[in-house]
Amino acid sequence: MKSVVLITGASSGIGAALAKVFAAHANDHGHDLALVARRADRLEALADEIAATGRPRPTVFTADLERRDAASAIAAELSSRGLEPAIVVNNAGFGLIGAATALSRDEQLAMIDVNVRALTELSLMFVDSLARHRGGILNVASLAAFLPGPGMAVYYASKAYVLSFSEALHRELADRGVRVTALCPGPVPTEFQARAGMGRVPAARVLELPAERVAQIGYDAFMAGQRVVIAGIGNRIVVSLMRLVPNALILRLADQRPRSVRGS
């Protein structure tokens, strides 16, 4: 079996940037890429772009992580091509803005399927091959993991899960030589905002980082074996300050932020 870096949600944003970073550093980690997302045309274009740099063309295939059988389908597709993951990058995810009681319950449960269930399944499914290759797992969480999230309650809770789960796995899998890193970006200008139904908040722009920078920070932290990395000094300062402020006050402040609310 040939070893690969499996990256979900690779068709745009941070996922596409991570694919380019892992491709650029293939000589360091020693693996080709397998890219997964829902949009085949975007994946093919990204694979062509990477191949044009002289790197091996990534294997690409589509999967919808909202489906309960998505992880099994990914595993079967990899096996049919003689591939096994040495590194799993769980980047796929989405958010919705609005009161939890006003948003579609089905859409919020689909968010849990992608952000939590699929990430958990893909993190656990390939542990034996990750250990064989002394590889690991890079899970994309968020600055939201450190905050309560009125107005995006399920999304914030899902990212808190990703952070907690990744930190625990970091400890549990260390003896098997498997690295686990949680990458926590702050605001990143991507398609995420449009899908969430939110506009860009002017006050948050001072904390924004481009997807390419976030991807490089995540890659470097993973290769160094870090447990958690918060992308950007401004975001690290925000998290440090939040630890000094009571949650009751943070909740009130969060509930006052400007919104472009869908479904409420």
C-alpha atoms as a PDB file:
ATOM      1  CA  MET A   1       0.000   0.000   0.000  1.00  0.00           C
ATOM      2  CA  LYS A   2       1.209   3.495  -0.852  1.00  0.00           C
ATOM      3  CA  SER A   3       1.040   6.090   1.927  1.00  0.00           C
ATOM      4  CA  VAL A   4      -0.722   9.434   1.422  1.00  0.00           C
ATOM      5  CA  VAL A   5      -1.766  12.598   3.218  1.00  0.00           C
ATOM      6  CA  LEU A   6      -5.582  12.540   3.241  1.00  0.00           C
ATOM      7  CA  ILE A   7      -7.099  16.056   3.296  1.00  0.00           C
ATOM      8  CA  THR A   8     -10.852  16.649   3.548  1.00  0.00           C
ATOM      9  CA  GLY A   9     -12.594  19.823   2.462  1.00  0.00           C
ATOM     10  CA  ALA A  10      -9.732  20.443   0.055  1.00  0.00           C
ATOM     11  CA  SER A  11     -11.626  22.238  -2.699  1.00  0.00           C
ATOM     12  CA  SER A  12     -11.246  25.779  -1.336  1.00  0.00           C
ATOM     13  CA  GLY A  13     -10.125  27.995   1.527  1.00  0.00           C
ATOM     14  CA  ILE A  14      -7.913  26.562   4.255  1.00  0.00           C
ATOM     15  CA  GLY A  15      -8.261  23.040   2.836  1.00  0.00           C
ATOM     16  CA  ALA A  16      -6.881  24.006  -0.565  1.00  0.00           C
ATOM     17  CA  ALA A  17      -4.115  25.996   1.127  1.00  0.00           C
ATOM     18  CA  LEU A  18      -3.207  22.987   3.281  1.00  0.00           C
ATOM     19  CA  ALA A  19      -3.035  20.814   0.169  1.00  0.00           C
ATOM     20  CA  LYS A  20      -0.570  23.223  -1.420  1.00  0.00           C
ATOM     21  CA  VAL A  21       1.568  23.396   1.733  1.00  0.00           C
ATOM     22  CA  PHE A  22       1.704  19.614   2.155  1.00  0.00           C
ATOM     23  CA  ALA A  23       2.512  19.259  -1.562  1.00  0.00           C
ATOM     24  CA  ALA A  24       5.298  21.828  -1.318  1.00  0.00           C
ATOM     25  CA  HIS A  25       6.831  19.958   1.631  1.00  0.00           C
ATOM     26  CA  ALA A  26       6.387  16.435   0.249  1.00  0.00           C
ATOM     27  CA  ASN A  27      10.128  15.796   0.523  1.00  0.00           C
ATOM     28  CA  ASP A  28       9.930  16.485   4.276  1.00  0.00           C
ATOM     29  CA  HIS A  29       6.974  14.245   5.171  1.00  0.00           C
ATOM     30  CA  GLY A  30       7.489  11.765   2.325  1.00  0.00           C
ATOM     31  CA  HIS A  31       3.921  11.204   1.113  1.00  0.00           C
ATOM     32  CA  ASP A  32       1.756  12.016  -1.893  1.00  0.00           C
ATOM     33  CA  LEU A  33      -1.685  13.591  -1.423  1.00  0.00           C
ATOM     34  CA  ALA A  34      -5.264  12.317  -1.568  1.00  0.00           C
ATOM     35  CA  LEU A  35      -7.794  15.155  -1.659  1.00  0.00           C
ATOM     36  CA  VAL A  36     -11.471  14.835  -0.815  1.00  0.00           C
ATOM     37  CA  ALA A  37     -14.356  17.302  -1.145  1.00  0.00           C
ATOM     38  CA  ARG A  38     -17.832  17.559  -2.666  1.00  0.00           C
ATOM     39  CA  ARG A  39     -16.838  19.544  -5.762  1.00  0.00           C
ATOM     40  CA  ALA A  40     -14.979  17.444  -8.321  1.00  0.00           C
ATOM     41  CA  ASP A  41     -14.183  20.350 -10.644  1.00  0.00           C
ATOM     42  CA  ARG A  42     -12.454  22.292  -7.873  1.00  0.00           C
ATOM     43  CA  LEU A  43     -10.454  19.243  -6.817  1.00  0.00           C
ATOM     44  CA  GLU A  44      -9.326  18.502 -10.365  1.00  0.00           C
ATOM     45  CA  ALA A  45      -8.251  22.123 -10.861  1.00  0.00           C
ATOM     46  CA  LEU A  46      -6.283  22.070  -7.599  1.00  0.00           C
ATOM     47  CA  ALA A  47      -4.621  18.769  -8.519  1.00  0.00           C
ATOM     48  CA  ASP A  48      -3.623  20.233 -11.883  1.00  0.00           C
ATOM     49  CA  GLU A  49      -2.217  23.332 -10.170  1.00  0.00           C
ATOM     50  CA  ILE A  50      -0.119  21.222  -7.806  1.00  0.00           C
ATOM     51  CA  ALA A  51       1.096  18.982 -10.639  1.00  0.00           C
ATOM     52  CA  ALA A  52       2.139  22.086 -12.604  1.00  0.00           C
ATOM     53  CA  THR A  53       4.667  22.869  -9.852  1.00  0.00           C
ATOM     54  CA  GLY A  54       6.464  19.619 -10.575  1.00  0.00           C
ATOM     55  CA  ARG A  55       4.977  17.737  -7.609  1.00  0.00           C
ATOM     56  CA  PRO A  56       3.143  14.411  -8.014  1.00  0.00           C
ATOM     57  CA  ARG A  57      -0.464  14.965  -8.993  1.00  0.00           C
ATOM     58  CA  PRO A  58      -2.732  14.305  -5.988  1.00  0.00           C
ATOM     59  CA  THR A  59      -5.334  11.568  -6.076  1.00  0.00           C
ATOM     60  CA  VAL A  60      -8.773  13.199  -5.922  1.00  0.00           C
ATOM     61  CA  PHE A  61     -12.261  11.880  -5.280  1.00  0.00           C
ATOM     62  CA  THR A  62     -15.555  13.264  -4.071  1.00  0.00           C
ATOM     63  CA  ALA A  63     -17.401  12.537  -0.838  1.00  0.00           C
ATOM     64  CA  ASP A  64     -20.161  14.275   1.079  1.00  0.00           C
ATOM     65  CA  LEU A  65     -19.269  14.092   4.760  1.00  0.00           C
ATOM     66  CA  GLU A  66     -22.863  14.754   5.757  1.00  0.00           C
ATOM     67  CA  ARG A  67     -23.586  11.146   4.747  1.00  0.00           C
ATOM     68  CA  ARG A  68     -23.293   8.588   7.510  1.00  0.00           C
ATOM     69  CA  ASP A  69     -21.359   6.229   5.238  1.00  0.00           C
ATOM     70  CA  ALA A  70     -18.870   8.872   4.042  1.00  0.00           C
ATOM     71  CA  ALA A  71     -15.881   7.725   6.101  1.00  0.00           C
ATOM     72  CA  SER A  72     -16.385   4.094   5.065  1.00  0.00           C
ATOM     73  CA  ALA A  73     -16.702   5.194   1.437  1.00  0.00           C
ATOM     74  CA  ILE A  74     -13.437   7.149   1.713  1.00  0.00           C
ATOM     75  CA  ALA A  75     -11.670   4.143   3.230  1.00  0.00           C
ATOM     76  CA  ALA A  76     -12.988   1.886   0.477  1.00  0.00           C
ATOM     77  CA  GLU A  77     -11.910   4.328  -2.236  1.00  0.00           C
ATOM     78  CA  LEU A  78      -8.407   4.574  -0.801  1.00  0.00           C
ATOM     79  CA  SER A  79      -8.106   0.802  -0.504  1.00  0.00           C
ATOM     80  CA  SER A  80      -9.302   0.278  -4.095  1.00  0.00           C
ATOM     81  CA  ARG A  81      -6.468   2.530  -5.265  1.00  0.00           C
ATOM     82  CA  GLY A  82      -3.847   0.831  -3.108  1.00  0.00           C
ATOM     83  CA  LEU A  83      -3.531   3.814  -0.766  1.00  0.00           C
ATOM     84  CA  GLU A  84      -3.469   4.182   2.997  1.00  0.00           C
ATOM     85  CA  PRO A  85      -3.227   7.378   5.079  1.00  0.00           C
ATOM     86  CA  ALA A  86      -0.024   8.264   6.869  1.00  0.00           C
ATOM     87  CA  ILE A  87      -1.493  11.658   7.803  1.00  0.00           C
ATOM     88  CA  VAL A  88      -5.160  12.637   8.084  1.00  0.00           C
ATOM     89  CA  VAL A  89      -6.084  16.318   7.825  1.00  0.00           C
ATOM     90  CA  ASN A  90      -9.673  16.884   8.920  1.00  0.00           C
ATOM     91  CA  ASN A  91     -10.448  20.293   7.492  1.00  0.00           C
ATOM     92  CA  ALA A  92     -14.017  19.871   6.189  1.00  0.00           C
ATOM     93  CA  GLY A  93     -16.590  21.808   8.162  1.00  0.00           C
ATOM     94  CA  PHE A  94     -19.162  24.564   8.000  1.00  0.00           C
ATOM     95  CA  GLY A  95     -21.105  26.946  10.230  1.00  0.00           C
ATOM     96  CA  LEU A  96     -24.528  28.574  10.378  1.00  0.00           C
ATOM     97  CA  ILE A  97     -25.344  31.904  11.948  1.00  0.00           C
ATOM     98  CA  GLY A  98     -28.594  32.525  13.775  1.00  0.00           C
ATOM     99  CA  ALA A  99     -30.395  31.464  16.937  1.00  0.00           C
ATOM    100  CA  ALA A 100     -30.282  27.689  17.394  1.00  0.00           C
ATOM    101  CA  THR A 101     -34.034  27.584  17.906  1.00  0.00           C
ATOM    102  CA  ALA A 102     -34.660  29.508  14.657  1.00  0.00           C
ATOM    103  CA  LEU A 103     -32.263  27.729  12.320  1.00  0.00           C
ATOM    104  CA  SER A 104     -33.169  24.497  10.581  1.00  0.00           C
ATOM    105  CA  ARG A 105     -32.702  21.585  12.950  1.00  0.00           C
ATOM    106  CA  ASP A 106     -31.770  19.323  10.033  1.00  0.00           C
ATOM    107  CA  GLU A 107     -29.073  21.743   8.857  1.00  0.00           C
ATOM    108  CA  GLN A 108     -27.629  21.980  12.359  1.00  0.00           C
ATOM    109  CA  LEU A 109     -27.569  18.198  12.697  1.00  0.00           C
ATOM    110  CA  ALA A 110     -25.837  18.027   9.305  1.00  0.00           C
ATOM    111  CA  MET A 111     -23.246  20.445  10.701  1.00  0.00           C
ATOM    112  CA  ILE A 112     -22.631  18.063  13.591  1.00  0.00           C
ATOM    113  CA  ASP A 113     -22.322  15.192  11.103  1.00  0.00           C
ATOM    114  CA  VAL A 114     -19.540  17.019   9.229  1.00  0.00           C
ATOM    115  CA  ASN A 115     -17.783  18.937  12.015  1.00  0.00           C
ATOM    116  CA  VAL A 116     -17.939  16.245  14.701  1.00  0.00           C
ATOM    117  CA  ARG A 117     -19.041  12.785  13.575  1.00  0.00           C
ATOM    118  CA  ALA A 118     -17.065  12.536  10.325  1.00  0.00           C
ATOM    119  CA  LEU A 119     -13.979  14.107  11.897  1.00  0.00           C
ATOM    120  CA  THR A 120     -14.149  11.636  14.778  1.00  0.00           C
ATOM    121  CA  GLU A 121     -14.607   8.645  12.495  1.00  0.00           C
ATOM    122  CA  LEU A 122     -11.760   9.637  10.178  1.00  0.00           C
ATOM    123  CA  SER A 123      -9.484  10.345  13.148  1.00  0.00           C
ATOM    124  CA  LEU A 124     -10.040   6.849  14.565  1.00  0.00           C
ATOM    125  CA  MET A 125     -10.450   4.782  11.397  1.00  0.00           C
ATOM    126  CA  PHE A 126      -6.837   4.850  10.220  1.00  0.00           C
ATOM    127  CA  VAL A 127      -4.870   4.813  13.482  1.00  0.00           C
ATOM    128  CA  ASP A 128      -3.051   1.577  12.628  1.00  0.00           C
ATOM    129  CA  SER A 129      -1.740   2.958   9.326  1.00  0.00           C
ATOM    130  CA  LEU A 130      -0.902   6.305  10.946  1.00  0.00           C
ATOM    131  CA  ALA A 131       1.152   4.449  13.555  1.00  0.00           C
ATOM    132  CA  ARG A 132       2.897   2.332  10.898  1.00  0.00           C
ATOM    133  CA  HIS A 133       4.035   5.441   9.097  1.00  0.00           C
ATOM    134  CA  ARG A 134       4.773   7.476  12.246  1.00  0.00           C
ATOM    135  CA  GLY A 135       2.306  10.042  10.929  1.00  0.00           C
ATOM    136  CA  GLY A 136      -0.621  11.721  12.589  1.00  0.00           C
ATOM    137  CA  ILE A 137      -3.781  13.810  12.542  1.00  0.00           C
ATOM    138  CA  LEU A 138      -4.218  17.525  11.953  1.00  0.00           C
ATOM    139  CA  ASN A 139      -7.712  18.642  12.962  1.00  0.00           C
ATOM    140  CA  VAL A 140      -8.897  22.123  12.036  1.00  0.00           C
ATOM    141  CA  ALA A 141     -10.750  23.612  15.004  1.00  0.00           C
ATOM    142  CA  SER A 142     -11.259  27.362  15.437  1.00  0.00           C
ATOM    143  CA  LEU A 143     -10.825  30.293  17.762  1.00  0.00           C
ATOM    144  CA  ALA A 144     -14.518  29.584  18.409  1.00  0.00           C
ATOM    145  CA  ALA A 145     -13.417  26.497  20.376  1.00  0.00           C
ATOM    146  CA  PHE A 146     -12.426  28.755  23.262  1.00  0.00           C
ATOM    147  CA  LEU A 147     -15.668  30.793  23.315  1.00  0.00           C
ATOM    148  CA  PRO A 148     -19.347  30.388  24.073  1.00  0.00           C
ATOM    149  CA  GLY A 149     -21.266  31.125  20.891  1.00  0.00           C
ATOM    150  CA  PRO A 150     -24.721  32.677  21.131  1.00  0.00           C
ATOM    151  CA  GLY A 151     -25.833  33.239  17.553  1.00  0.00           C
ATOM    152  CA  MET A 152     -23.727  30.287  16.335  1.00  0.00           C
ATOM    153  CA  ALA A 153     -24.297  27.889  19.229  1.00  0.00           C
ATOM    154  CA  VAL A 154     -23.928  24.558  17.435  1.00  0.00           C
ATOM    155  CA  TYR A 155     -20.920  25.650  15.378  1.00  0.00           C
ATOM    156  CA  TYR A 156     -19.024  26.928  18.431  1.00  0.00           C
ATOM    157  CA  ALA A 157     -19.898  23.774  20.362  1.00  0.00           C
ATOM    158  CA  SER A 158     -18.696  21.602  17.475  1.00  0.00           C
ATOM    159  CA  LYS A 159     -15.328  23.322  17.443  1.00  0.00           C
ATOM    160  CA  ALA A 160     -15.000  23.041  21.219  1.00  0.00           C
ATOM    161  CA  TYR A 161     -15.467  19.302  20.701  1.00  0.00           C
ATOM    162  CA  VAL A 162     -12.756  19.221  18.013  1.00  0.00           C
ATOM    163  CA  LEU A 163     -10.286  20.938  20.341  1.00  0.00           C
ATOM    164  CA  SER A 164     -11.069  18.733  23.346  1.00  0.00           C
ATOM    165  CA  PHE A 165     -11.075  15.524  21.305  1.00  0.00           C
ATOM    166  CA  SER A 166      -7.798  16.390  19.573  1.00  0.00           C
ATOM    167  CA  GLU A 167      -6.035  17.231  22.827  1.00  0.00           C
ATOM    168  CA  ALA A 168      -7.124  13.913  24.336  1.00  0.00           C
ATOM    169  CA  LEU A 169      -6.002  11.973  21.244  1.00  0.00           C
ATOM    170  CA  HIS A 170      -2.658  13.778  21.347  1.00  0.00           C
ATOM    171  CA  ARG A 171      -2.074  12.168  24.715  1.00  0.00           C
ATOM    172  CA  GLU A 172      -3.628   8.775  23.976  1.00  0.00           C
ATOM    173  CA  LEU A 173      -1.742   8.169  20.729  1.00  0.00           C
ATOM    174  CA  ALA A 174       1.637   9.565  21.738  1.00  0.00           C
ATOM    175  CA  ASP A 175       2.979   6.146  22.769  1.00  0.00           C
ATOM    176  CA  ARG A 176       2.187   4.831  19.275  1.00  0.00           C
ATOM    177  CA  GLY A 177       4.167   7.618  17.618  1.00  0.00           C
ATOM    178  CA  VAL A 178       1.070   9.318  16.215  1.00  0.00           C
ATOM    179  CA  ARG A 179       1.071  13.109  16.345  1.00  0.00           C
ATOM    180  CA  VAL A 180      -2.236  14.928  16.847  1.00  0.00           C
ATOM    181  CA  THR A 181      -2.518  18.688  16.440  1.00  0.00           C
ATOM    182  CA  ALA A 182      -5.527  21.002  16.695  1.00  0.00           C
ATOM    183  CA  LEU A 183      -5.225  24.072  14.475  1.00  0.00           C
ATOM    184  CA  CYS A 184      -7.300  27.016  15.740  1.00  0.00           C
ATOM    185  CA  PRO A 185      -7.567  29.833  13.196  1.00  0.00           C
ATOM    186  CA  GLY A 186      -9.410  33.069  13.833  1.00  0.00           C
ATOM    187  CA  PRO A 187     -11.153  34.961  11.019  1.00  0.00           C
ATOM    188  CA  VAL A 188     -10.023  33.830   7.553  1.00  0.00           C
ATOM    189  CA  PRO A 189     -11.537  35.344   4.386  1.00  0.00           C
ATOM    190  CA  THR A 190     -12.947  32.232   2.666  1.00  0.00           C
ATOM    191  CA  GLU A 191     -16.254  30.835   1.395  1.00  0.00           C
ATOM    192  CA  PHE A 192     -17.070  29.878   4.997  1.00  0.00           C
ATOM    193  CA  GLN A 193     -18.719  33.238   5.679  1.00  0.00           C
ATOM    194  CA  ALA A 194     -21.045  32.967   2.692  1.00  0.00           C
ATOM    195  CA  ARG A 195     -22.192  29.466   3.613  1.00  0.00           C
ATOM    196  CA  ALA A 196     -22.689  30.505   7.245  1.00  0.00           C
ATOM    197  CA  GLY A 197     -24.891  33.405   6.164  1.00  0.00           C
ATOM    198  CA  MET A 198     -22.670  36.071   7.685  1.00  0.00           C
ATOM    199  CA  GLY A 199     -20.882  39.156   6.454  1.00  0.00           C
ATOM    200  CA  ARG A 200     -17.357  40.192   7.373  1.00  0.00           C
ATOM    201  CA  VAL A 201     -17.215  42.043  10.686  1.00  0.00           C
ATOM    202  CA  PRO A 202     -14.982  45.140  10.338  1.00  0.00           C
ATOM    203  CA  ALA A 203     -13.691  44.879  13.916  1.00  0.00           C
ATOM    204  CA  ALA A 204     -12.504  41.315  13.268  1.00  0.00           C
ATOM    205  CA  ARG A 205     -10.340  42.246  10.295  1.00  0.00           C
ATOM    206  CA  VAL A 206      -7.389  43.086  12.546  1.00  0.00           C
ATOM    207  CA  LEU A 207      -7.340  39.399  13.496  1.00  0.00           C
ATOM    208  CA  GLU A 208      -7.698  38.045   9.945  1.00  0.00           C
ATOM    209  CA  LEU A 209      -5.019  35.895   8.369  1.00  0.00           C
ATOM    210  CA  PRO A 210      -4.970  34.612   4.788  1.00  0.00           C
ATOM    211  CA  ALA A 211      -5.691  30.920   4.351  1.00  0.00           C
ATOM    212  CA  GLU A 212      -2.154  30.353   3.064  1.00  0.00           C
ATOM    213  CA  ARG A 213      -0.624  31.683   6.273  1.00  0.00           C
ATOM    214  CA  VAL A 214      -2.979  29.646   8.453  1.00  0.00           C
ATOM    215  CA  ALA A 215      -2.116  26.507   6.497  1.00  0.00           C
ATOM    216  CA  GLN A 216       1.623  27.067   6.927  1.00  0.00           C
ATOM    217  CA  ILE A 217       1.198  27.663  10.663  1.00  0.00           C
ATOM    218  CA  GLY A 218      -0.825  24.460  10.952  1.00  0.00           C
ATOM    219  CA  TYR A 219       1.675  22.428   8.951  1.00  0.00           C
ATOM    220  CA  ASP A 220       4.656  23.687  10.969  1.00  0.00           C
ATOM    221  CA  ALA A 221       2.896  22.982  14.275  1.00  0.00           C
ATOM    222  CA  PHE A 222       1.906  19.485  13.179  1.00  0.00           C
ATOM    223  CA  MET A 223       5.411  18.621  12.019  1.00  0.00           C
ATOM    224  CA  ALA A 224       6.778  19.905  15.340  1.00  0.00           C
ATOM    225  CA  GLY A 225       4.329  17.699  17.255  1.00  0.00           C
ATOM    226  CA  GLN A 226       2.441  20.549  18.918  1.00  0.00           C
ATOM    227  CA  ARG A 227      -0.816  19.709  20.653  1.00  0.00           C
ATOM    228  CA  VAL A 228      -2.625  22.992  19.869  1.00  0.00           C
ATOM    229  CA  VAL A 229      -1.717  25.975  17.725  1.00  0.00           C
ATOM    230  CA  ILE A 230      -3.648  29.246  17.605  1.00  0.00           C
ATOM    231  CA  ALA A 231      -2.938  30.960  14.301  1.00  0.00           C
ATOM    232  CA  GLY A 232      -1.791  34.557  14.667  1.00  0.00           C
ATOM    233  CA  ILE A 233      -0.401  36.542  17.572  1.00  0.00           C
ATOM    234  CA  GLY A 234      -3.553  38.655  17.775  1.00  0.00           C
ATOM    235  CA  ASN A 235      -5.693  35.560  18.207  1.00  0.00           C
ATOM    236  CA  ARG A 236      -3.328  34.164  20.836  1.00  0.00           C
ATOM    237  CA  ILE A 237      -3.662  37.411  22.769  1.00  0.00           C
ATOM    238  CA  VAL A 238      -7.463  37.232  22.498  1.00  0.00           C
ATOM    239  CA  VAL A 239      -7.509  33.701  23.945  1.00  0.00           C
ATOM    240  CA  SER A 240      -5.180  34.710  26.762  1.00  0.00           C
ATOM    241  CA  LEU A 241      -7.373  37.681  27.667  1.00  0.00           C
ATOM    242  CA  MET A 242     -10.551  35.609  27.525  1.00  0.00           C
ATOM    243  CA  ARG A 243      -9.190  33.349  30.234  1.00  0.00           C
ATOM    244  CA  LEU A 244      -9.211  36.361  32.570  1.00  0.00           C
ATOM    245  CA  VAL A 245     -12.823  37.325  31.841  1.00  0.00           C
ATOM    246  CA  PRO A 246     -15.863  35.547  33.348  1.00  0.00           C
ATOM    247  CA  ASN A 247     -17.888  33.526  30.847  1.00  0.00           C
ATOM    248  CA  ALA A 248     -21.028  35.441  31.799  1.00  0.00           C
ATOM    249  CA  LEU A 249     -19.453  38.656  30.508  1.00  0.00           C
ATOM    250  CA  ILE A 250     -18.096  36.978  27.363  1.00  0.00           C
ATOM    251  CA  LEU A 251     -21.587  35.647  26.645  1.00  0.00           C
ATOM    252  CA  ARG A 252     -23.081  39.138  26.886  1.00  0.00           C
ATOM    253  CA  LEU A 253     -20.381  40.614  24.642  1.00  0.00           C
ATOM    254  CA  ALA A 254     -20.700  37.817  22.098  1.00  0.00           C
ATOM    255  CA  ASP A 255     -24.455  38.322  21.973  1.00  0.00           C
ATOM    256  CA  GLN A 256     -23.960  41.959  20.968  1.00  0.00           C
ATOM    257  CA  ARG A 257     -21.757  41.326  17.931  1.00  0.00           C
ATOM    258  CA  PRO A 258     -23.041  42.454  14.530  1.00  0.00           C
ATOM    259  CA  ARG A 259     -24.791  39.694  12.581  1.00  0.00           C
ATOM    260  CA  SER A 260     -26.120  38.864   9.186  1.00  0.00           C
ATOM    261  CA  VAL A 261     -28.553  36.283  10.528  1.00  0.00           C
ATOM    262  CA  ARG A 262     -30.079  33.587   8.354  1.00  0.00           C
ATOM    263  CA  GLY A 263     -33.253  31.980   9.639  1.00  0.00           C
ATOM    264  CA  SER A 264     -34.054  34.369  12.495  1.00  0.00           C
END
